[in-house]
Every structure is written in C-alpha cells, then in structure tokens.
Amino acid sequence: MLSQCGYNLDNFFRTFIESNREFSLDSKEFKHFRYRLDRTQRQMAQLLGISLKAVHSYEQGWRSVPGHVERQVLFLISRLKENSKSRKSCWVVKKCPSEKKKECPAWEFQAGKLCWFISGTICDGTVHKSWKEKMKLCRSCEILKYVLKEKSES
C-alpha cells in the first residue's frame, strides 16, 4: 500500500522528527496517512468533514493542510494503535511531578496517550499557546513518535 503512494517511511521520520520546520502535514504525509487509514479520497473527505476537492488539493500540494484537519488525521491514526496495552501515559514517561500533573489537562482528563492532541498540556514545564508551537515539541516526544509508527515497526 505504501509503495502505491511512493512514500519512503524513513524519509518521513527524518523530516518529521529531525527537521526544524514547523509541523504541518505535507502532501506526501497526508496521502500516506490516508493509505494507512485505508480510505479512498472520497471516504477521507467524508471522514474529515471536508470537500473531495480539498483532499485533492492537499495531496497535490496545491493547498497546505490546515491545523484542524492535521489534528483530526493524527487523532485517527492514533486510534489505530489504541488497543496496545504497552503504551504508557505521558506523565509516566516524562516523570511529571504531582503538582504539575494536577495542572495539566492530560492528567485531568486521563488522556496521557493523547497528550499531543490536547491543547494546554504542560509539556517540559510550559503551556504552548498554538498548535504549531506545541507540535514542535511533540514531534520529538516518544508519545507521538509511537503513534506515528507503522504496525510492523511496533
């Protein structure tokens, strides 16, 4: 399936994790995740509540993927791995002190495996004000890295 979209996963992770660009799905990444979700372009449009034309534009690189669409795509990808019991909550991985946990929405809503999805989390002691700012930190965190791994890599 991945060979259909001509996308090299090593290049994806190198770009995603190591680059200094602000995180935003590019056309190849969007298409790659659509294949991982096993959706046609029409099905992807319906799933995301966007037009088929928007999906075409994202995959052709004519339009950049907006933050709200990117967020939905990453959330859906994360649900593919939800049945894994080996994943740990972010506060365990990051060894958050009790006083910080109590202030953090990820702890409040018991969403330690979705911390990257929730705005206002206290990552590395800082609340990030925007999705792009937050994703700069999240892309280097093992919680999100795990979500983005292929099934065969886990």
N, C-alpha and C. Protein backbone atom coordinates (compact mmCIF):
# COMPACT_ATOMS: atom_id res chain seq x y z
N MET A 1 0.83 -1.19 0.00
CA MET A 1 0.00 0.00 0.00
C MET A 1 0.87 1.25 0.00
N LEU A 2 1.92 1.29 0.83
CA LEU A 2 2.78 2.48 0.88
C LEU A 2 3.51 2.69 -0.44
N SER A 3 3.83 1.59 -1.11
CA SER A 3 4.52 1.74 -2.38
C SER A 3 3.62 2.42 -3.41
N GLN A 4 2.30 2.30 -3.25
CA GLN A 4 1.37 2.96 -4.16
C GLN A 4 1.54 4.47 -4.10
N CYS A 5 1.79 4.99 -2.93
CA CYS A 5 1.91 6.45 -2.82
C CYS A 5 3.36 6.90 -3.01
N GLY A 6 4.29 5.96 -3.20
CA GLY A 6 5.68 6.32 -3.45
C GLY A 6 6.33 7.04 -2.30
N TYR A 7 6.00 6.66 -1.09
CA TYR A 7 6.48 7.38 0.08
C TYR A 7 7.40 6.51 0.90
N ASN A 8 8.60 7.00 1.18
CA ASN A 8 9.58 6.29 1.96
C ASN A 8 9.43 6.68 3.42
N LEU A 9 9.11 5.71 4.27
CA LEU A 9 8.84 5.99 5.68
C LEU A 9 10.07 6.54 6.40
N ASP A 10 11.26 6.08 6.03
CA ASP A 10 12.47 6.62 6.66
C ASP A 10 12.58 8.12 6.41
N ASN A 11 12.27 8.54 5.19
CA ASN A 11 12.31 9.97 4.88
C ASN A 11 11.27 10.73 5.68
N PHE A 12 10.10 10.11 5.86
CA PHE A 12 9.05 10.76 6.65
C PHE A 12 9.54 11.04 8.06
N PHE A 13 10.07 10.02 8.74
CA PHE A 13 10.51 10.22 10.12
C PHE A 13 11.69 11.17 10.21
N ARG A 14 12.59 11.11 9.23
CA ARG A 14 13.72 12.03 9.24
C ARG A 14 13.21 13.47 9.14
N THR A 15 12.30 13.70 8.21
CA THR A 15 11.72 15.04 8.04
C THR A 15 10.90 15.44 9.25
N PHE A 16 10.08 14.53 9.71
CA PHE A 16 9.14 14.83 10.80
C PHE A 16 9.85 15.09 12.11
N ILE A 17 10.82 14.29 12.44
CA ILE A 17 11.44 14.36 13.76
C ILE A 17 12.64 15.29 13.79
N GLU A 18 13.45 15.28 12.75
CA GLU A 18 14.71 16.00 12.82
C GLU A 18 14.68 17.40 12.21
N SER A 19 13.70 17.69 11.39
CA SER A 19 13.72 18.99 10.71
C SER A 19 13.37 20.12 11.67
N ASN A 20 13.72 21.31 11.26
CA ASN A 20 13.39 22.48 12.06
C ASN A 20 12.13 23.16 11.58
N ARG A 21 11.50 22.64 10.53
CA ARG A 21 10.28 23.28 10.05
C ARG A 21 9.17 23.09 11.07
N GLU A 22 8.24 24.03 11.05
CA GLU A 22 7.08 23.88 11.92
C GLU A 22 6.27 22.72 11.37
N PHE A 23 5.69 21.94 12.25
CA PHE A 23 4.98 20.76 11.82
C PHE A 23 3.73 21.12 11.06
N SER A 24 3.59 20.56 9.92
CA SER A 24 2.39 20.63 9.12
C SER A 24 2.49 19.48 8.13
N LEU A 25 1.42 18.72 8.01
CA LEU A 25 1.45 17.61 7.07
C LEU A 25 1.69 18.13 5.67
N ASP A 26 2.62 17.52 4.95
CA ASP A 26 2.78 17.88 3.55
C ASP A 26 1.95 16.92 2.71
N SER A 27 1.97 17.08 1.41
CA SER A 27 1.11 16.30 0.54
C SER A 27 1.39 14.80 0.63
N LYS A 28 2.66 14.43 0.69
CA LYS A 28 3.00 13.00 0.77
C LYS A 28 2.58 12.41 2.12
N GLU A 29 2.76 13.15 3.18
CA GLU A 29 2.36 12.68 4.51
C GLU A 29 0.85 12.50 4.59
N PHE A 30 0.12 13.47 4.06
CA PHE A 30 -1.34 13.38 4.07
C PHE A 30 -1.79 12.12 3.32
N LYS A 31 -1.22 11.92 2.15
CA LYS A 31 -1.57 10.74 1.34
C LYS A 31 -1.17 9.45 2.04
N HIS A 32 0.00 9.46 2.65
CA HIS A 32 0.48 8.29 3.40
C HIS A 32 -0.49 7.93 4.52
N PHE A 33 -0.95 8.91 5.26
CA PHE A 33 -1.88 8.64 6.35
C PHE A 33 -3.25 8.21 5.82
N ARG A 34 -3.65 8.73 4.67
CA ARG A 34 -4.90 8.27 4.07
C ARG A 34 -4.80 6.78 3.73
N TYR A 35 -3.68 6.37 3.18
CA TYR A 35 -3.47 4.94 2.89
C TYR A 35 -3.47 4.11 4.17
N ARG A 36 -2.82 4.62 5.21
CA ARG A 36 -2.80 3.89 6.49
C ARG A 36 -4.19 3.73 7.07
N LEU A 37 -5.03 4.71 6.84
CA LEU A 37 -6.42 4.63 7.31
C LEU A 37 -7.29 3.80 6.37
N ASP A 38 -6.70 3.37 5.26
CA ASP A 38 -7.37 2.54 4.26
C ASP A 38 -8.63 3.21 3.74
N ARG A 39 -8.48 4.47 3.30
CA ARG A 39 -9.61 5.25 2.81
C ARG A 39 -9.34 5.74 1.38
N THR A 40 -10.41 5.81 0.60
CA THR A 40 -10.33 6.47 -0.69
C THR A 40 -10.33 7.97 -0.42
N GLN A 41 -10.08 8.75 -1.46
CA GLN A 41 -10.12 10.20 -1.28
C GLN A 41 -11.52 10.65 -0.87
N ARG A 42 -12.54 10.08 -1.46
CA ARG A 42 -13.93 10.42 -1.12
C ARG A 42 -14.22 10.06 0.34
N GLN A 43 -13.81 8.87 0.75
CA GLN A 43 -14.03 8.44 2.14
C GLN A 43 -13.28 9.34 3.12
N MET A 44 -12.07 9.73 2.75
CA MET A 44 -11.27 10.61 3.61
C MET A 44 -11.96 11.96 3.77
N ALA A 45 -12.49 12.48 2.67
CA ALA A 45 -13.20 13.76 2.72
C ALA A 45 -14.40 13.66 3.67
N GLN A 46 -15.16 12.59 3.56
CA GLN A 46 -16.32 12.39 4.43
C GLN A 46 -15.89 12.25 5.89
N LEU A 47 -14.83 11.48 6.11
CA LEU A 47 -14.33 11.26 7.47
C LEU A 47 -13.88 12.56 8.14
N LEU A 48 -13.26 13.42 7.35
CA LEU A 48 -12.73 14.67 7.89
C LEU A 48 -13.72 15.84 7.81
N GLY A 49 -14.85 15.63 7.14
CA GLY A 49 -15.83 16.70 7.01
C GLY A 49 -15.34 17.82 6.10
N ILE A 50 -14.63 17.45 5.05
CA ILE A 50 -14.11 18.43 4.10
C ILE A 50 -14.53 18.00 2.70
N SER A 51 -14.29 18.83 1.73
CA SER A 51 -14.67 18.50 0.36
C SER A 51 -13.66 17.56 -0.28
N LEU A 52 -14.14 16.84 -1.27
CA LEU A 52 -13.25 15.97 -2.05
C LEU A 52 -12.17 16.82 -2.74
N LYS A 53 -12.56 17.99 -3.18
CA LYS A 53 -11.62 18.90 -3.82
C LYS A 53 -10.48 19.29 -2.86
N ALA A 54 -10.82 19.47 -1.57
CA ALA A 54 -9.79 19.80 -0.57
C ALA A 54 -8.79 18.65 -0.45
N VAL A 55 -9.29 17.41 -0.40
CA VAL A 55 -8.39 16.25 -0.33
C VAL A 55 -7.47 16.23 -1.55
N HIS A 56 -8.03 16.44 -2.73
CA HIS A 56 -7.21 16.50 -3.95
C HIS A 56 -6.14 17.58 -3.82
N SER A 57 -6.54 18.75 -3.34
CA SER A 57 -5.60 19.87 -3.21
C SER A 57 -4.49 19.57 -2.22
N TYR A 58 -4.81 18.94 -1.09
CA TYR A 58 -3.79 18.59 -0.11
C TYR A 58 -2.80 17.59 -0.69
N GLU A 59 -3.33 16.58 -1.38
CA GLU A 59 -2.46 15.52 -1.92
C GLU A 59 -1.62 16.00 -3.09
N GLN A 60 -2.09 16.98 -3.82
CA GLN A 60 -1.32 17.53 -4.94
C GLN A 60 -0.37 18.63 -4.50
N GLY A 61 -0.51 19.07 -3.25
CA GLY A 61 0.35 20.13 -2.74
C GLY A 61 -0.10 21.52 -3.15
N TRP A 62 -1.30 21.64 -3.67
CA TRP A 62 -1.83 22.94 -4.09
C TRP A 62 -2.23 23.79 -2.89
N ARG A 63 -2.65 23.13 -1.82
CA ARG A 63 -3.03 23.82 -0.58
C ARG A 63 -2.34 23.13 0.58
N SER A 64 -1.98 23.89 1.59
CA SER A 64 -1.40 23.27 2.78
C SER A 64 -2.54 22.72 3.65
N VAL A 65 -2.23 21.69 4.41
CA VAL A 65 -3.21 21.06 5.28
C VAL A 65 -3.39 21.95 6.51
N PRO A 66 -4.62 22.43 6.75
CA PRO A 66 -4.83 23.28 7.92
C PRO A 66 -4.71 22.51 9.22
N GLY A 67 -4.42 23.21 10.29
CA GLY A 67 -4.19 22.59 11.60
C GLY A 67 -5.34 21.71 12.07
N HIS A 68 -6.59 22.15 11.85
CA HIS A 68 -7.72 21.35 12.34
C HIS A 68 -7.85 20.03 11.59
N VAL A 69 -7.47 20.00 10.31
CA VAL A 69 -7.51 18.76 9.53
C VAL A 69 -6.35 17.86 9.95
N GLU A 70 -5.18 18.45 10.08
CA GLU A 70 -4.00 17.72 10.53
C GLU A 70 -4.27 17.04 11.88
N ARG A 71 -4.87 17.77 12.77
CA ARG A 71 -5.18 17.26 14.11
C ARG A 71 -6.11 16.06 14.04
N GLN A 72 -7.14 16.14 13.18
CA GLN A 72 -8.06 15.02 13.02
C GLN A 72 -7.35 13.80 12.45
N VAL A 73 -6.51 14.01 11.45
CA VAL A 73 -5.80 12.90 10.83
C VAL A 73 -4.92 12.19 11.86
N LEU A 74 -4.16 12.96 12.63
CA LEU A 74 -3.29 12.36 13.64
C LEU A 74 -4.10 11.64 14.71
N PHE A 75 -5.24 12.21 15.08
CA PHE A 75 -6.11 11.54 16.06
C PHE A 75 -6.58 10.19 15.51
N LEU A 76 -7.02 10.16 14.27
CA LEU A 76 -7.50 8.91 13.67
C LEU A 76 -6.38 7.88 13.59
N ILE A 77 -5.18 8.31 13.23
CA ILE A 77 -4.03 7.40 13.20
C ILE A 77 -3.76 6.85 14.59
N SER A 78 -3.89 7.69 15.61
CA SER A 78 -3.63 7.23 16.98
C SER A 78 -4.61 6.16 17.40
N ARG A 79 -5.82 6.21 16.89
CA ARG A 79 -6.83 5.22 17.25
C ARG A 79 -6.52 3.85 16.66
N LEU A 80 -5.72 3.79 15.62
CA LEU A 80 -5.34 2.51 15.03
C LEU A 80 -4.53 1.67 16.02
N LYS A 81 -3.85 2.31 16.94
CA LYS A 81 -2.99 1.61 17.90
C LYS A 81 -3.56 1.59 19.31
N GLU A 82 -4.77 2.05 19.51
CA GLU A 82 -5.31 2.20 20.85
C GLU A 82 -5.38 0.90 21.62
N ASN A 83 -5.48 -0.23 20.94
CA ASN A 83 -5.60 -1.50 21.64
C ASN A 83 -4.28 -1.97 22.24
N SER A 84 -3.20 -1.24 22.01
CA SER A 84 -1.91 -1.62 22.56
C SER A 84 -1.82 -1.29 24.04
N LYS A 85 -1.61 -2.29 24.86
CA LYS A 85 -1.52 -2.08 26.32
C LYS A 85 -0.11 -1.65 26.75
N SER A 86 0.85 -1.76 25.85
CA SER A 86 2.23 -1.45 26.23
C SER A 86 2.51 0.04 26.29
N ARG A 87 1.65 0.86 25.73
CA ARG A 87 1.87 2.30 25.76
C ARG A 87 1.65 2.85 27.16
N LYS A 88 2.50 3.78 27.52
CA LYS A 88 2.41 4.41 28.84
C LYS A 88 1.91 5.83 28.69
N SER A 89 1.29 6.32 29.73
CA SER A 89 0.82 7.71 29.74
C SER A 89 2.01 8.67 29.78
N CYS A 90 1.78 9.87 29.25
CA CYS A 90 2.86 10.85 29.16
C CYS A 90 3.46 11.20 30.52
N TRP A 91 2.63 11.29 31.55
CA TRP A 91 3.14 11.68 32.87
C TRP A 91 4.06 10.62 33.46
N VAL A 92 3.88 9.36 33.04
CA VAL A 92 4.79 8.28 33.47
C VAL A 92 6.10 8.40 32.70
N VAL A 93 5.99 8.56 31.38
CA VAL A 93 7.18 8.66 30.52
C VAL A 93 8.01 9.89 30.88
N LYS A 94 7.35 11.01 31.10
CA LYS A 94 8.04 12.28 31.39
C LYS A 94 8.36 12.48 32.87
N LYS A 95 7.88 11.56 33.72
CA LYS A 95 8.11 11.62 35.16
C LYS A 95 7.68 12.99 35.73
N CYS A 96 6.45 13.35 35.43
CA CYS A 96 5.91 14.64 35.88
C CYS A 96 5.69 14.65 37.39
N PRO A 97 6.09 15.73 38.06
CA PRO A 97 5.81 15.85 39.50
C PRO A 97 4.31 16.05 39.73
N SER A 98 3.85 15.66 40.89
CA SER A 98 2.42 15.72 41.22
C SER A 98 1.81 17.10 41.01
N GLU A 99 2.52 18.15 41.43
CA GLU A 99 1.96 19.49 41.31
C GLU A 99 1.75 19.89 39.84
N LYS A 100 2.61 19.46 38.93
CA LYS A 100 2.44 19.76 37.50
C LYS A 100 1.31 18.92 36.91
N LYS A 101 1.23 17.65 37.32
CA LYS A 101 0.16 16.78 36.82
C LYS A 101 -1.21 17.36 37.12
N LYS A 102 -1.37 17.87 38.32
CA LYS A 102 -2.67 18.40 38.74
C LYS A 102 -3.11 19.61 37.91
N GLU A 103 -2.16 20.32 37.32
CA GLU A 103 -2.45 21.49 36.50
C GLU A 103 -2.65 21.14 35.02
N CYS A 104 -2.33 19.93 34.64
CA CYS A 104 -2.28 19.55 33.23
C CYS A 104 -3.59 18.91 32.76
N PRO A 105 -4.13 19.37 31.62
CA PRO A 105 -5.35 18.78 31.09
C PRO A 105 -5.21 17.30 30.73
N ALA A 106 -4.04 16.87 30.33
CA ALA A 106 -3.85 15.44 30.00
C ALA A 106 -4.12 14.58 31.24
N TRP A 107 -3.66 15.02 32.39
CA TRP A 107 -3.91 14.31 33.65
C TRP A 107 -5.38 14.44 34.05
N GLU A 108 -5.90 15.65 33.99
CA GLU A 108 -7.28 15.90 34.39
C GLU A 108 -8.27 15.00 33.64
N PHE A 109 -8.03 14.82 32.34
CA PHE A 109 -8.94 14.02 31.52
C PHE A 109 -8.42 12.60 31.29
N GLN A 110 -7.37 12.22 32.03
CA GLN A 110 -6.79 10.88 31.91
C GLN A 110 -6.52 10.51 30.45
N ALA A 111 -5.85 11.42 29.75
CA ALA A 111 -5.56 11.27 28.33
C ALA A 111 -4.06 11.30 28.08
N GLY A 112 -3.31 10.57 28.87
CA GLY A 112 -1.86 10.58 28.76
C GLY A 112 -1.30 9.98 27.49
N LYS A 113 -2.13 9.25 26.75
CA LYS A 113 -1.69 8.71 25.46
C LYS A 113 -2.11 9.62 24.32
N LEU A 114 -2.87 10.66 24.66
CA LEU A 114 -3.33 11.65 23.68
C LEU A 114 -2.88 13.06 24.05
N CYS A 115 -1.86 13.18 24.87
CA CYS A 115 -1.41 14.49 25.34
C CYS A 115 -1.09 15.42 24.17
N TRP A 116 -0.54 14.89 23.10
CA TRP A 116 -0.18 15.68 21.92
C TRP A 116 -1.42 16.28 21.26
N PHE A 117 -2.59 15.70 21.49
CA PHE A 117 -3.84 16.13 20.86
C PHE A 117 -4.52 17.26 21.64
N ILE A 118 -4.20 17.37 22.91
CA ILE A 118 -4.90 18.29 23.81
C ILE A 118 -4.12 19.59 23.96
N SER A 119 -4.78 20.68 23.66
CA SER A 119 -4.16 22.00 23.85
C SER A 119 -4.07 22.29 25.34
N GLY A 120 -3.06 23.05 25.72
CA GLY A 120 -2.91 23.47 27.10
C GLY A 120 -2.17 22.50 28.00
N THR A 121 -1.64 21.41 27.43
CA THR A 121 -0.88 20.49 28.27
C THR A 121 0.43 21.15 28.70
N ILE A 122 0.95 20.70 29.82
CA ILE A 122 2.17 21.29 30.37
C ILE A 122 3.33 20.36 30.03
N CYS A 123 3.89 20.56 28.87
CA CYS A 123 4.99 19.72 28.41
C CYS A 123 6.31 20.44 28.69
N ASP A 124 7.21 19.74 29.30
CA ASP A 124 8.50 20.31 29.68
C ASP A 124 8.32 21.60 30.48
N GLY A 125 7.26 21.64 31.29
CA GLY A 125 7.02 22.77 32.18
C GLY A 125 6.39 23.98 31.54
N THR A 126 6.00 23.89 30.26
CA THR A 126 5.48 25.05 29.55
C THR A 126 4.13 24.72 28.90
N VAL A 127 3.20 25.64 28.98
CA VAL A 127 1.95 25.53 28.23
C VAL A 127 2.19 26.21 26.89
N HIS A 128 1.95 25.50 25.81
CA HIS A 128 2.18 26.06 24.47
C HIS A 128 0.91 26.70 23.95
N LYS A 129 1.05 27.87 23.37
CA LYS A 129 -0.10 28.69 23.01
C LYS A 129 -0.76 28.31 21.69
N SER A 130 -0.04 27.69 20.78
CA SER A 130 -0.62 27.35 19.48
C SER A 130 -0.32 25.90 19.13
N TRP A 131 -1.11 25.38 18.20
CA TRP A 131 -0.92 24.01 17.72
C TRP A 131 0.47 23.83 17.13
N LYS A 132 0.91 24.76 16.29
CA LYS A 132 2.23 24.64 15.66
C LYS A 132 3.35 24.68 16.69
N GLU A 133 3.22 25.56 17.66
CA GLU A 133 4.23 25.65 18.73
C GLU A 133 4.27 24.34 19.52
N LYS A 134 3.11 23.81 19.84
CA LYS A 134 3.02 22.56 20.59
C LYS A 134 3.62 21.41 19.79
N MET A 135 3.31 21.35 18.49
CA MET A 135 3.79 20.24 17.67
C MET A 135 5.30 20.27 17.47
N LYS A 136 5.91 21.43 17.59
CA LYS A 136 7.37 21.49 17.54
C LYS A 136 7.97 20.61 18.63
N LEU A 137 7.38 20.67 19.81
CA LEU A 137 7.85 19.85 20.93
C LEU A 137 7.38 18.40 20.78
N CYS A 138 6.12 18.23 20.43
CA CYS A 138 5.54 16.88 20.36
C CYS A 138 6.24 15.98 19.34
N ARG A 139 6.70 16.56 18.23
CA ARG A 139 7.31 15.71 17.20
C ARG A 139 8.61 15.05 17.68
N SER A 140 9.20 15.56 18.75
CA SER A 140 10.41 14.93 19.28
C SER A 140 10.11 14.06 20.50
N CYS A 141 8.84 13.93 20.85
CA CYS A 141 8.43 13.18 22.04
C CYS A 141 8.06 11.74 21.67
N GLU A 142 8.44 10.81 22.53
CA GLU A 142 8.18 9.40 22.23
C GLU A 142 6.69 9.04 22.23
N ILE A 143 5.86 9.83 22.87
CA ILE A 143 4.42 9.55 22.88
C ILE A 143 3.87 9.66 21.45
N LEU A 144 4.12 10.76 20.77
CA LEU A 144 3.65 10.94 19.40
C LEU A 144 4.44 10.07 18.43
N LYS A 145 5.72 9.90 18.65
CA LYS A 145 6.51 9.04 17.77
C LYS A 145 5.90 7.64 17.71
N TYR A 146 5.47 7.13 18.85
CA TYR A 146 4.87 5.80 18.90
C TYR A 146 3.59 5.74 18.06
N VAL A 147 2.77 6.78 18.17
CA VAL A 147 1.50 6.84 17.44
C VAL A 147 1.75 6.77 15.94
N LEU A 148 2.80 7.43 15.48
CA LEU A 148 3.06 7.52 14.04
C LEU A 148 3.80 6.31 13.45
N LYS A 149 4.29 5.44 14.31
CA LYS A 149 4.99 4.25 13.80
C LYS A 149 4.04 3.34 13.06
N GLU A 150 4.56 2.64 12.10
CA GLU A 150 3.79 1.64 11.37
C GLU A 150 3.57 0.43 12.27
N LYS A 151 2.52 -0.31 12.02
CA LYS A 151 2.22 -1.52 12.80
C LYS A 151 3.40 -2.48 12.81
N SER A 152 4.04 -2.64 11.67
CA SER A 152 5.16 -3.59 11.57
C SER A 152 6.37 -3.15 12.35
N GLU A 153 6.45 -1.86 12.70
CA GLU A 153 7.60 -1.34 13.45
C GLU A 153 7.41 -1.48 14.96
N SER A 154 6.17 -1.70 15.43
CA SER A 154 5.92 -1.73 16.86
C SER A 154 6.36 -3.03 17.50
